[in-house]
C-alpha atoms as a PDB file:
ATOM      1  CA  MET A   1      -4.928  -4.313  22.570  1.00  0.00           C
ATOM      2  CA  GLY A   2      -8.635  -5.929  21.369  1.00  0.00           C
ATOM      3  CA  SER A   3      -8.092  -5.190  17.443  1.00  0.00           C
ATOM      4  CA  LYS A   4      -7.781  -7.554  14.792  1.00  0.00           C
ATOM      5  CA  CYS A   5      -4.181  -8.139  13.836  1.00  0.00           C
ATOM      6  CA  PRO A   6      -3.193  -7.637   9.891  1.00  0.00           C
ATOM      7  CA  SER A   7      -3.020 -10.418   8.047  1.00  0.00           C
ATOM      8  CA  SER A   8       0.518 -11.766   6.660  1.00  0.00           C
ATOM      9  CA  GLN A   9      -0.871 -14.010   3.958  1.00  0.00           C
ATOM     10  CA  ASP A  10       0.561 -11.856   1.352  1.00  0.00           C
ATOM     11  CA  SER A  11       4.379 -11.366   0.887  1.00  0.00           C
ATOM     12  CA  GLN A  12       5.257  -7.743   1.472  1.00  0.00           C
ATOM     13  CA  ALA A  13       6.108  -7.441  -2.216  1.00  0.00           C
ATOM     14  CA  THR A  14       2.804  -8.311  -3.208  1.00  0.00           C
ATOM     15  CA  LEU A  15       1.156  -6.195  -0.766  1.00  0.00           C
ATOM     16  CA  ASP A  16       3.376  -3.533  -2.134  1.00  0.00           C
ATOM     17  CA  LEU A  17       2.655  -4.073  -5.446  1.00  0.00           C
ATOM     18  CA  ARG A  18      -1.377  -4.178  -4.368  1.00  0.00           C
ATOM     19  CA  LEU A  19      -1.097  -1.121  -2.162  1.00  0.00           C
ATOM     20  CA  VAL A  20       1.135   1.518  -4.424  1.00  0.00           C
ATOM     21  CA  GLY A  21       1.732  -0.117  -7.670  1.00  0.00           C
ATOM     22  CA  THR A  22       5.432  -1.138  -6.815  1.00  0.00           C
ATOM     23  CA  THR A  23       7.606  -3.680  -5.110  1.00  0.00           C
ATOM     24  CA  LYS A  24       9.418  -1.521  -3.212  1.00  0.00           C
ATOM     25  CA  PRO A  25       8.637  -1.464   0.398  1.00  0.00           C
ATOM     26  CA  SER A  26       6.264   1.085   1.158  1.00  0.00           C
ATOM     27  CA  PRO A  27       6.170   2.527   5.033  1.00  0.00           C
ATOM     28  CA  PHE A  28       2.402   1.042   5.121  1.00  0.00           C
ATOM     29  CA  SER A  29       3.233  -2.422   4.415  1.00  0.00           C
ATOM     30  CA  LYS A  30       6.327  -2.053   6.262  1.00  0.00           C
ATOM     31  CA  TRP A  31       4.073  -1.018   9.489  1.00  0.00           C
ATOM     32  CA  LEU A  32       1.563  -3.671   8.910  1.00  0.00           C
ATOM     33  CA  LYS A  33       4.301  -6.400   8.724  1.00  0.00           C
ATOM     34  CA  ASP A  34       5.007  -5.297  12.324  1.00  0.00           C
ATOM     35  CA  ALA A  35       2.010  -4.895  13.642  1.00  0.00           C
ATOM     36  CA  HIS A  36       1.236  -8.409  13.004  1.00  0.00           C
ATOM     37  CA  ASN A  37       4.635  -9.683  14.329  1.00  0.00           C
ATOM     38  CA  PHE A  38       3.827  -7.164  17.171  1.00  0.00           C
ATOM     39  CA  CYS A  39      -0.101  -9.085  17.540  1.00  0.00           C
ATOM     40  CA  ASN A  40       1.151 -12.468  17.285  1.00  0.00           C
ATOM     41  CA  GLY A  41       4.257 -11.902  19.438  1.00  0.00           C
ATOM     42  CA  ASP A  42       5.073 -13.484  22.531  1.00  0.00           C
ATOM     43  CA  PHE A  43       5.575 -10.671  25.143  1.00  0.00           C
ATOM     44  CA  SER A  44       5.560 -12.954  28.276  1.00  0.00           C
ATOM     45  CA  HIS A  45       8.811 -11.700  28.564  1.00  0.00           C
ATOM     46  CA  LEU A  46       8.377  -8.134  28.918  1.00  0.00           C
ATOM     47  CA  SER A  47       7.373  -6.217  32.152  1.00  0.00           C
ATOM     48  CA  ASP A  48       3.827  -4.032  31.758  1.00  0.00           C
ATOM     49  CA  GLU A  49       5.662  -0.926  30.990  1.00  0.00           C
ATOM     50  CA  ASN A  50       7.851  -2.230  28.454  1.00  0.00           C
ATOM     51  CA  LEU A  51       5.089  -3.941  26.810  1.00  0.00           C
ATOM     52  CA  LYS A  52       2.664  -0.358  26.952  1.00  0.00           C
ATOM     53  CA  MET A  53       6.036   1.134  25.202  1.00  0.00           C
ATOM     54  CA  GLU A  54       6.097  -1.157  22.450  1.00  0.00           C
ATOM     55  CA  GLN A  55       2.320  -0.546  22.274  1.00  0.00           C
ATOM     56  CA  ARG A  56       3.008   2.821  21.993  1.00  0.00           C
ATOM     57  CA  GLN A  57       5.778   2.734  19.302  1.00  0.00           C
ATOM     58  CA  MET A  58       3.665   0.862  17.155  1.00  0.00           C
ATOM     59  CA  ILE A  59       0.837   3.483  17.562  1.00  0.00           C
ATOM     60  CA  ASP A  60       3.727   6.071  16.770  1.00  0.00           C
ATOM     61  CA  ASP A  61       4.486   4.085  13.727  1.00  0.00           C
ATOM     62  CA  TYR A  62       0.780   3.956  12.719  1.00  0.00           C
ATOM     63  CA  LYS A  63       0.543   7.747  12.677  1.00  0.00           C
ATOM     64  CA  LYS A  64       3.716   8.548  11.140  1.00  0.00           C
ATOM     65  CA  VAL A  65       2.508   6.220   7.917  1.00  0.00           C
ATOM     66  CA  MET A  66      -1.054   7.951   7.932  1.00  0.00           C
ATOM     67  CA  GLU A  67       0.521  11.460   7.863  1.00  0.00           C
ATOM     68  CA  THR A  68       2.596  10.271   4.645  1.00  0.00           C
ATOM     69  CA  THR A  69      -0.121   8.151   3.291  1.00  0.00           C
ATOM     70  CA  PRO A  70      -1.966  10.267   0.699  1.00  0.00           C
ATOM     71  CA  GLN A  71      -5.955  11.215   0.757  1.00  0.00           C
ATOM     72  CA  ILE A  72      -8.402   9.416  -1.675  1.00  0.00           C
ATOM     73  CA  SER A  73     -10.958  11.810  -2.753  1.00  0.00           C
ATOM     74  CA  GLU A  74     -14.713  11.092  -2.329  1.00  0.00           C
ATOM     75  CA  ASN A  75     -15.189  10.223  -6.211  1.00  0.00           C
ATOM     76  CA  ASP A  76     -12.006   7.949  -6.256  1.00  0.00           C
ATOM     77  CA  PHE A  77     -12.642   5.936  -3.452  1.00  0.00           C
ATOM     78  CA  ASN A  78     -16.384   5.030  -4.942  1.00  0.00           C
ATOM     79  CA  LYS A  79     -14.703   4.362  -8.499  1.00  0.00           C
ATOM     80  CA  TYR A  80     -12.377   1.804  -7.046  1.00  0.00           C
ATOM     81  CA  LYS A  81     -14.798   0.847  -4.657  1.00  0.00           C
ATOM     82  CA  GLN A  82     -17.213  -0.190  -7.413  1.00  0.00           C
ATOM     83  CA  LYS A  83     -14.260  -1.623  -9.482  1.00  0.00           C
ATOM     84  CA  HIS A  84     -13.481  -3.980  -6.391  1.00  0.00           C
ATOM     85  CA  LEU A  85     -17.199  -4.823  -5.831  1.00  0.00           C
ATOM     86  CA  ARG A  86     -17.275  -5.669  -9.602  1.00  0.00           C
ATOM     87  CA  LYS A  87     -14.703  -8.291  -9.255  1.00  0.00           C
ATOM     88  CA  VAL A  88     -16.210  -9.483  -6.323  1.00  0.00           C
ATOM     89  CA  ALA A  89     -19.497 -10.367  -8.085  1.00  0.00           C
ATOM     90  CA  ILE A  90     -17.671 -11.808 -10.846  1.00  0.00           C
ATOM     91  CA  SER A  91     -15.196 -14.067  -8.568  1.00  0.00           C
ATOM     92  CA  LYS A  92     -19.006 -15.452  -6.751  1.00  0.00           C
ATOM     93  CA  ALA A  93     -20.547 -16.018 -10.248  1.00  0.00           C
ATOM     94  CA  LEU A  94     -17.136 -17.902 -11.086  1.00  0.00           C
ATOM     95  CA  ASP A  95     -17.351 -20.238  -8.074  1.00  0.00           C
ATOM     96  CA  ASN A  96     -21.136 -20.910  -9.262  1.00  0.00           C
ATOM     97  CA  THR A  97     -20.234 -21.654 -12.787  1.00  0.00           C
ATOM     98  CA  PRO A  98     -16.113 -22.013 -13.403  1.00  0.00           C
ATOM     99  CA  PHE A  99     -16.858 -23.128 -16.795  1.00  0.00           C
ATOM    100  CA  LYS A 100     -18.789 -20.330 -18.523  1.00  0.00           C
ATOM    101  CA  SER A 101     -17.097 -17.306 -20.041  1.00  0.00           C
ATOM    102  CA  LEU A 102     -16.106 -13.792 -18.666  1.00  0.00           C
ATOM    103  CA  ARG A 103     -18.315 -12.047 -21.272  1.00  0.00           C
ATOM    104  CA  LYS A 104     -21.333 -13.936 -20.209  1.00  0.00           C
ATOM    105  CA  ILE A 105     -21.078 -13.528 -16.705  1.00  0.00           C
ATOM    106  CA  LYS A 106     -20.380  -9.621 -16.945  1.00  0.00           C
ATOM    107  CA  LYS A 107     -23.180  -9.167 -19.558  1.00  0.00           C
ATOM    108  CA  GLU A 108     -25.326 -11.365 -16.994  1.00  0.00           C
ATOM    109  CA  LEU A 109     -24.257  -9.458 -14.316  1.00  0.00           C
ATOM    110  CA  THR A 110     -24.563  -6.035 -15.924  1.00  0.00           C
ATOM    111  CA  GLN A 111     -28.619  -7.304 -16.921  1.00  0.00           C
ATOM    112  CA  LYS A 112     -29.295  -8.522 -13.279  1.00  0.00           C
ATOM    113  CA  ASP A 113     -27.742  -5.083 -12.260  1.00  0.00           C
ATOM    114  CA  ASP A 114     -29.804  -3.261 -14.409  1.00  0.00           C
ATOM    115  CA  THR A 115     -33.173  -4.720 -13.903  1.00  0.00           C
ATOM    116  CA  HIS A 116     -32.799  -3.837 -10.001  1.00  0.00           C
ATOM    117  CA  VAL A 117     -32.085  -0.104 -10.637  1.00  0.00           C
END
């Protein structure tokens, strides 16, 4: 297939909680799990035609999921990206100084960011 397979590090419930705010399985997380299994499965027993059918089914399932997935506005996307990047910066700072208070880390990151603007 040539593309990266989805990760299976998280349980489906954890993935759903992060993606859609509930532990009820979402169509996307089900597809993600199926895609991971497909990418890591042993298909040596399948003929080329059956393997292509499996691939087509995965693509069709993906299209169905994407049709029902709500669009994210540009403003919302940027807001969530900013929030994510802030968490990443805090996490990296904690890696370097694990005993420093979060309040101090956030203050330092804000001051550092203000000097780059």
